[in-house]
Protein backbone atom coordinates (compact mmCIF):
# COMPACT_ATOMS: atom_id res chain seq x y z
CA UNK A 1 0.00 0.00 0.00
CA UNK A 2 3.06 2.26 0.23
CA UNK A 3 4.33 1.41 -3.27
CA UNK A 4 3.18 4.77 -4.66
CA UNK A 5 4.84 6.78 -1.90
CA UNK A 6 8.16 8.20 -3.18
CA UNK A 7 10.07 7.21 -0.04
CA UNK A 8 9.39 3.51 -0.61
CA UNK A 9 10.63 1.46 -3.58
CA UNK A 10 8.20 -0.95 -5.27
CA UNK A 11 7.68 -4.45 -3.92
CA UNK A 12 9.20 -6.33 -6.85
CA UNK A 13 10.15 -9.71 -5.36
CA UNK A 14 8.44 -12.57 -3.57
CA UNK A 15 9.99 -11.62 -0.23
CA UNK A 16 9.50 -7.83 -0.45
CA UNK A 17 5.97 -7.75 0.98
CA UNK A 18 6.98 -9.96 3.92
CA UNK A 19 9.97 -7.78 4.74
CA UNK A 20 7.81 -4.64 4.58
CA UNK A 21 5.14 -6.17 6.81
CA UNK A 22 7.75 -7.02 9.46
CA UNK A 23 9.35 -3.58 9.13
CA UNK A 24 6.08 -1.68 9.56
CA UNK A 25 5.12 -3.91 12.47
CA UNK A 26 8.35 -2.97 14.24
CA UNK A 27 7.74 0.69 13.47
CA UNK A 28 4.18 0.43 14.82
CA UNK A 29 5.27 -1.34 18.03
CA UNK A 30 8.06 1.19 18.61
CA UNK A 31 5.70 4.11 17.98
CA UNK A 32 2.99 2.70 20.26
CA UNK A 33 5.28 2.13 23.23
CA UNK A 34 7.12 5.42 22.70
CA UNK A 35 3.82 7.33 22.84
CA UNK A 36 2.57 5.22 25.76
CA UNK A 37 5.69 5.78 27.84
CA UNK A 38 5.85 9.50 27.06
CA UNK A 39 2.15 9.94 27.88
CA UNK A 40 2.41 8.06 31.16
CA UNK A 41 5.50 10.05 32.06
CA UNK A 42 3.65 13.36 31.63
CA UNK A 43 0.51 12.10 33.43
CA UNK A 44 2.48 10.79 36.40
CA UNK A 45 4.57 13.95 36.67
CA UNK A 46 1.43 16.09 36.78
CA UNK A 47 -0.76 13.85 38.92
CA UNK A 48 1.76 12.76 41.50
CA UNK A 49 3.74 15.96 41.82
CA UNK A 50 4.54 17.16 45.33
CA UNK A 51 2.15 19.98 46.13
CA UNK A 52 3.28 20.84 49.71
CA UNK A 53 6.55 20.45 51.56
CA UNK A 54 4.98 18.25 54.25
CA UNK A 55 3.48 15.80 51.72
CA UNK A 56 5.01 12.33 51.93
CA UNK A 57 4.38 9.51 49.46
CA UNK A 58 2.36 6.56 50.68
CA UNK A 59 4.15 3.20 50.84
CA UNK A 60 3.55 1.00 47.80
CA UNK A 61 3.46 -2.76 48.38
CA UNK A 62 3.43 -3.70 44.69
CA UNK A 63 0.98 -5.41 42.39
CA UNK A 64 1.55 -8.92 41.11
CA UNK A 65 -1.00 -8.45 38.31
CA UNK A 66 0.72 -5.28 37.12
CA UNK A 67 4.18 -6.85 37.21
CA UNK A 68 2.97 -9.91 35.30
CA UNK A 69 1.31 -7.68 32.74
CA UNK A 70 4.39 -5.61 31.93
CA UNK A 71 6.51 -8.76 31.88
CA UNK A 72 4.36 -11.20 29.90
CA UNK A 73 3.12 -8.79 27.20
CA UNK A 74 6.62 -7.60 26.16
CA UNK A 75 7.82 -11.22 26.31
CA UNK A 76 5.07 -12.33 23.92
CA UNK A 77 5.81 -9.42 21.57
CA UNK A 78 9.57 -10.12 21.63
CA UNK A 79 9.18 -13.87 21.02
CA UNK A 80 6.60 -13.29 18.30
CA UNK A 81 8.90 -10.79 16.58
CA UNK A 82 11.78 -13.26 16.79
CA UNK A 83 9.80 -16.13 15.24
CA UNK A 84 8.41 -13.87 12.52
CA UNK A 85 11.78 -12.34 11.63
CA UNK A 86 13.53 -15.72 11.74
CA UNK A 87 10.97 -17.14 9.32
CA UNK A 88 11.52 -14.22 6.91
CA UNK A 89 15.31 -14.52 7.24
CA UNK A 90 15.42 -18.28 6.67
CA UNK A 91 13.11 -18.09 3.65
CA UNK A 92 15.25 -15.30 2.17
CA UNK A 93 18.39 -17.44 2.55
CA UNK A 94 17.02 -20.88 1.57
CA UNK A 95 17.56 -21.13 -2.19
CA UNK A 96 14.78 -23.00 -4.04
CA UNK A 97 15.91 -26.05 -6.03
CA UNK A 98 16.52 -25.42 -9.70
CA UNK A 99 17.35 -21.73 -9.23
CA UNK A 100 19.09 -19.96 -12.08
CA UNK A 101 22.73 -19.38 -11.11
CA UNK A 102 24.75 -16.23 -11.72
CA UNK A 103 28.30 -15.40 -10.64
CA UNK A 104 28.97 -11.89 -9.29
CA UNK A 105 32.34 -10.25 -8.62
CA UNK A 106 32.52 -6.89 -6.87
CA UNK A 107 35.42 -4.63 -7.77
CA UNK A 108 36.09 -0.97 -7.09
CA UNK A 109 33.94 0.39 -8.50
CA UNK A 110 31.76 -1.95 -10.55
CA UNK A 111 29.70 -5.14 -10.46
CA UNK A 112 30.71 -7.88 -12.91
CA UNK A 113 28.21 -10.67 -13.53
CA UNK A 114 28.34 -13.84 -15.60
CA UNK A 115 25.50 -16.19 -16.49
CA UNK A 116 25.97 -19.94 -16.67
CA UNK A 117 25.35 -19.72 -20.41
CA UNK A 118 28.28 -17.34 -20.85
CA UNK A 119 26.77 -13.85 -21.04
CA UNK A 120 28.79 -11.24 -19.15
CA UNK A 121 27.55 -7.91 -17.87
CA UNK A 122 28.97 -4.91 -16.01
CA UNK A 123 26.77 -2.97 -13.59
CA UNK A 124 23.74 -4.70 -15.06
CA UNK A 125 21.97 -8.02 -14.64
CA UNK A 126 19.21 -9.41 -16.84
CA UNK A 127 16.89 -11.93 -15.19
CA UNK A 128 13.50 -13.45 -16.09
CA UNK A 129 10.37 -12.71 -14.11
CA UNK A 130 9.00 -15.51 -11.94
CA UNK A 131 12.24 -17.54 -11.84
CA UNK A 132 14.39 -17.93 -8.68
CA UNK A 133 17.88 -16.49 -9.24
CA UNK A 134 20.84 -17.47 -7.05
CA UNK A 135 23.85 -15.16 -6.94
CA UNK A 136 27.24 -16.53 -5.88
CA UNK A 137 29.39 -13.53 -5.03
CA UNK A 138 32.89 -12.52 -4.02
CA UNK A 139 35.07 -9.41 -4.07
CA UNK A 140 38.42 -8.72 -5.69
CA UNK A 141 39.50 -6.02 -3.24
CA UNK A 142 37.43 -4.76 -0.27
CA UNK A 143 34.05 -5.49 1.30
CA UNK A 144 31.12 -4.45 -0.89
CA UNK A 145 27.39 -5.02 -0.37
CA UNK A 146 25.00 -6.09 -3.13
CA UNK A 147 21.76 -4.23 -2.48
CA UNK A 148 18.52 -4.22 -4.51
CA UNK A 149 15.99 -2.05 -2.63
CA UNK A 150 12.99 -3.09 -4.74
CA UNK A 151 13.70 -6.75 -3.92
CA UNK A 152 14.40 -6.01 -0.23
CA UNK A 153 17.59 -8.03 -0.45
CA UNK A 154 21.14 -7.15 0.57
CA UNK A 155 24.26 -9.24 1.12
CA UNK A 156 27.86 -8.35 1.89
CA UNK A 157 30.39 -9.34 -0.79
CA UNK A 158 33.62 -10.27 0.98
CA UNK A 159 37.13 -10.82 -0.39
CA UNK A 160 38.45 -14.32 0.20
CA UNK A 161 35.10 -16.08 0.56
CA UNK A 162 31.81 -16.69 -1.21
CA UNK A 163 28.42 -15.41 -0.14
CA UNK A 164 25.06 -16.13 -1.75
CA UNK A 165 21.63 -14.56 -2.01
CA UNK A 166 18.58 -15.35 -4.08
CA UNK A 167 15.51 -13.53 -5.27
CA UNK A 168 12.51 -14.07 -7.50
CA UNK A 169 11.26 -11.00 -9.32
CA UNK A 170 7.51 -10.41 -9.56
CA UNK A 171 7.52 -7.30 -11.76
CA UNK A 172 9.17 -6.51 -15.06
CA UNK A 173 11.17 -3.32 -15.41
CA UNK A 174 14.46 -1.75 -14.37
CA UNK A 175 15.40 -1.67 -10.68
CA UNK A 176 18.28 0.04 -8.90
CA UNK A 177 21.38 -1.85 -7.75
CA UNK A 178 23.64 -0.25 -5.16
CA UNK A 179 26.75 -1.00 -3.15
CA UNK A 180 25.59 -0.50 0.44
CA UNK A 181 29.04 -0.79 2.08
CA UNK A 182 31.46 2.15 1.92
CA UNK A 183 34.28 0.88 -0.26
CA UNK A 184 36.31 3.95 -1.20
CA UNK A 185 36.23 7.35 -2.84
CA UNK A 186 33.88 6.32 -5.64
CA UNK A 187 31.56 4.23 -3.52
CA UNK A 188 28.57 6.37 -4.53
CA UNK A 189 29.28 5.60 -8.20
CA UNK A 190 29.19 1.82 -7.72
CA UNK A 191 25.64 1.53 -8.99
CA UNK A 192 23.86 -0.56 -11.58
CA UNK A 193 20.49 -1.95 -12.55
CA UNK A 194 18.53 -5.19 -12.58
CA UNK A 195 16.58 -5.74 -15.80
CA UNK A 196 13.59 -8.03 -15.19
CA UNK A 197 12.20 -9.41 -18.44
CA UNK A 198 9.40 -11.65 -19.62
CA UNK A 199 10.65 -15.24 -20.16
CA UNK A 200 10.37 -14.99 -23.95
CA UNK A 201 12.26 -11.68 -24.02
CA UNK A 202 14.89 -13.10 -21.68
CA UNK A 203 15.30 -16.14 -23.91
CA UNK A 204 15.86 -13.84 -26.89
CA UNK A 205 18.42 -11.89 -24.89
CA UNK A 206 20.20 -15.14 -23.96
CA UNK A 207 20.48 -16.07 -27.63
CA UNK A 208 22.93 -13.27 -28.32
CA UNK A 209 26.16 -12.13 -26.78
CA UNK A 210 27.26 -15.42 -25.22
CA UNK A 211 30.94 -16.28 -25.22
CA UNK A 212 32.04 -19.32 -23.24
CA UNK A 213 30.19 -20.58 -20.20
CA UNK A 214 32.00 -20.38 -16.85
CA UNK A 215 32.68 -24.13 -17.04
CA UNK A 216 34.13 -23.84 -20.54
CA UNK A 217 36.26 -20.87 -19.57
CA UNK A 218 37.39 -22.77 -16.49
CA UNK A 219 38.46 -25.69 -18.66
CA UNK A 220 40.52 -23.37 -20.86
CA UNK A 221 42.11 -21.81 -17.82
CA UNK A 222 42.97 -25.18 -16.34
CA UNK A 223 44.59 -26.17 -19.65
CA UNK A 224 46.64 -22.98 -19.80
CA UNK A 225 47.86 -23.48 -16.22
CA UNK A 226 49.00 -27.03 -17.11
CA UNK A 227 47.06 -28.56 -14.24
CA UNK A 228 46.45 -31.65 -16.36
CA UNK A 229 49.99 -32.78 -15.66
CA UNK A 230 49.05 -33.63 -12.06
CA UNK A 231 45.27 -34.03 -12.12
CA UNK A 232 44.93 -36.84 -14.60
CA UNK A 233 41.95 -39.09 -15.14
CA UNK A 234 44.10 -42.19 -14.71
CA UNK A 235 46.05 -43.49 -11.71
CA UNK A 236 49.29 -41.83 -12.82
CA UNK A 237 48.42 -38.34 -11.60
CA UNK A 238 50.30 -36.79 -8.72
CA UNK A 239 47.15 -34.98 -7.63
CA UNK A 240 43.70 -36.35 -6.76
CA UNK A 241 41.12 -36.94 -9.47
CA UNK A 242 38.49 -34.24 -9.69
CA UNK A 243 35.60 -36.03 -11.37
CA UNK A 244 32.67 -36.01 -8.98
CA UNK A 245 34.66 -34.03 -6.40
CA UNK A 246 32.29 -31.10 -5.87
CA UNK A 247 30.04 -31.63 -2.87
CA UNK A 248 31.81 -34.82 -1.81
CA UNK A 249 33.44 -35.44 1.58
CA UNK A 250 37.24 -35.33 1.25
CA UNK A 251 39.61 -37.11 3.65
CA UNK A 252 42.62 -34.98 4.53
CA UNK A 253 46.04 -35.90 5.82
CA UNK A 254 45.86 -35.90 9.59
CA UNK A 255 42.49 -37.62 9.70
CA UNK A 256 40.19 -34.63 9.19
CA UNK A 257 37.38 -34.52 6.66
CA UNK A 258 35.86 -31.62 4.76
CA UNK A 259 33.16 -31.12 2.15
CA UNK A 260 34.53 -29.99 -1.20
CA UNK A 261 32.48 -26.84 -1.61
CA UNK A 262 33.35 -23.60 -3.40
CA UNK A 263 35.30 -22.15 -0.46
CA UNK A 264 37.39 -25.31 -0.09
CA UNK A 265 38.27 -25.37 -3.79
CA UNK A 266 39.15 -21.68 -3.75
CA UNK A 267 41.46 -22.17 -0.77
CA UNK A 268 43.05 -25.18 -2.43
CA UNK A 269 43.90 -23.12 -5.52
CA UNK A 270 45.33 -20.15 -3.64
CA UNK A 271 46.78 -21.94 -0.58
CA UNK A 272 47.21 -25.58 -1.66
CA UNK A 273 49.15 -26.72 1.41
CA UNK A 274 46.41 -25.67 3.85
CA UNK A 275 44.33 -28.84 3.43
CA UNK A 276 46.14 -31.69 1.67
CA UNK A 277 44.20 -34.74 0.54
CA UNK A 278 45.12 -37.99 2.27
CA UNK A 279 47.63 -40.01 0.26
CA UNK A 280 49.10 -37.06 -1.66
CA UNK A 281 52.15 -34.85 -1.11
CA UNK A 282 51.93 -31.04 -0.71
CA UNK A 283 53.71 -30.37 -4.00
CA UNK A 284 51.19 -28.06 -5.67
CA UNK A 285 52.38 -24.44 -6.11
CA UNK A 286 50.13 -21.58 -5.18
CA UNK A 287 48.23 -19.69 -7.87
CA UNK A 288 47.86 -16.59 -5.72
CA UNK A 289 48.16 -13.58 -8.02
CA UNK A 290 48.02 -15.74 -11.15
CA UNK A 291 44.25 -16.28 -11.22
CA UNK A 292 41.64 -13.57 -10.78
CA UNK A 293 38.47 -14.02 -8.75
CA UNK A 294 36.56 -14.47 -12.00
CA UNK A 295 39.02 -17.16 -13.02
CA UNK A 296 38.62 -18.98 -9.71
CA UNK A 297 34.85 -18.96 -10.12
CA UNK A 298 35.28 -20.40 -13.61
CA UNK A 299 37.56 -23.14 -12.31
CA UNK A 300 35.01 -23.99 -9.63
CA UNK A 301 32.25 -24.12 -12.25
CA UNK A 302 34.39 -26.48 -14.33
CA UNK A 303 35.10 -28.78 -11.38
CA UNK A 304 31.41 -28.74 -10.52
CA UNK A 305 30.57 -29.82 -14.08
CA UNK A 306 32.82 -32.89 -13.92
CA UNK A 307 30.96 -36.14 -13.35
CA UNK A 308 32.23 -39.16 -11.49
CA UNK A 309 32.96 -42.17 -13.70
CA UNK A 310 29.72 -43.96 -14.48
CA UNK A 311 27.54 -41.18 -13.11
CA UNK A 312 24.52 -39.97 -14.98
CA UNK A 313 25.26 -36.86 -17.02
CA UNK A 314 22.97 -34.03 -16.01
CA UNK A 315 22.57 -30.51 -17.25
CA UNK A 316 24.67 -27.84 -15.56
CA UNK A 317 23.05 -25.63 -12.94
CA UNK A 318 20.59 -23.66 -14.96
CA UNK A 319 17.75 -21.23 -15.10
CA UNK A 320 14.86 -23.10 -13.56
CA UNK A 321 12.09 -22.91 -16.14
CA UNK A 322 14.35 -21.06 -18.62
CA UNK A 323 15.66 -23.25 -21.39
CA UNK A 324 19.44 -23.56 -21.47
CA UNK A 325 21.58 -24.07 -24.52
CA UNK A 326 22.36 -27.74 -25.18
CA UNK A 327 25.72 -29.17 -24.20
CA UNK A 328 28.32 -28.52 -26.83
CA UNK A 329 26.49 -25.54 -28.28
CA UNK A 330 28.15 -22.11 -28.23
CA UNK A 331 27.67 -20.61 -24.79
CA UNK A 332 26.57 -23.88 -23.18
CA UNK A 333 28.14 -25.03 -19.95
CA UNK A 334 30.73 -27.78 -20.25
CA UNK A 335 29.71 -31.28 -19.30
CA UNK A 336 31.23 -34.74 -19.61
CA UNK A 337 29.15 -35.31 -22.70
CA UNK A 338 30.83 -32.31 -24.28
CA UNK A 339 34.27 -33.54 -23.37
CA UNK A 340 34.46 -31.79 -20.00
CA UNK A 341 35.00 -34.95 -17.96
CA UNK A 342 37.82 -36.14 -20.17
CA UNK A 343 40.13 -33.47 -18.80
CA UNK A 344 40.89 -32.91 -15.13
CA UNK A 345 40.65 -29.49 -13.53
CA UNK A 346 43.20 -27.56 -11.45
CA UNK A 347 44.61 -29.37 -8.47
CA UNK A 348 42.62 -29.47 -5.25
CA UNK A 349 44.94 -30.96 -2.63
């Protein structure tokens, strides 16, 4: 109901109305108790003021009903607010299955995005209406914050780690994108836009401008870094095999275990001796300074596309209901069927 008021952006995502309802509830509660306390303060000051010097206050023995009232009612309000806000928070962080995936890299002072079908954008992101979109984000330099007011979503973008958010647009149009974390002298210029399109228009947009998918670019990068010399598909490699690695539990030297997620693979590329796989020697050199954050994301996408021997070949993470390009087509993500599994990726110790 506040969408037409200039101080409030439109509610353009599935979570926006829920966030606004919680926000206005908190404002209403704060306003109510502020007025109540201020009014009682004035009434008590006037009514119970000392009129004569000899007046003495009567002893007060307390009221159990009154004490229970001002204890139980705030407790109920606080617990109800917690449950409500926790439900909104969890739903805004739980990514629906089949969400369209996009990589985002923050850099002073721009946003660089790449779709799984290869399209790259700067300070702009095209998405289809009605489709969940998951953003996997990192920063090349300092802390940024990816903020879309119309979607009521904001997430810090941190160097050295990956953060994720998701949204599902409910209106077509152009919506503001800001960096909400002060990142330097041109922080105010780190702005962009989200273009929400009808599915047919988005499909037409996808048909043009694609280069290589992140997985394909990751395969090229792994070839240029000569990682195939250690990460071979046969038993002769000096590094572990990477087919089917992503999401699997890895046994490390020393007896620890870890899940091979994006953060683990990133650390293994930049600091390969930090977590060495059981049965292998810490001989891998670091690629710190040799691979950009975009390149690391591409390597991760390539490793994620590799299938374990004998596993069913599935489509790469895609766009939900949006049709992806077939494997092997220009701009399609690499898969074992397209030759992706025949070549190992960069070493993950």
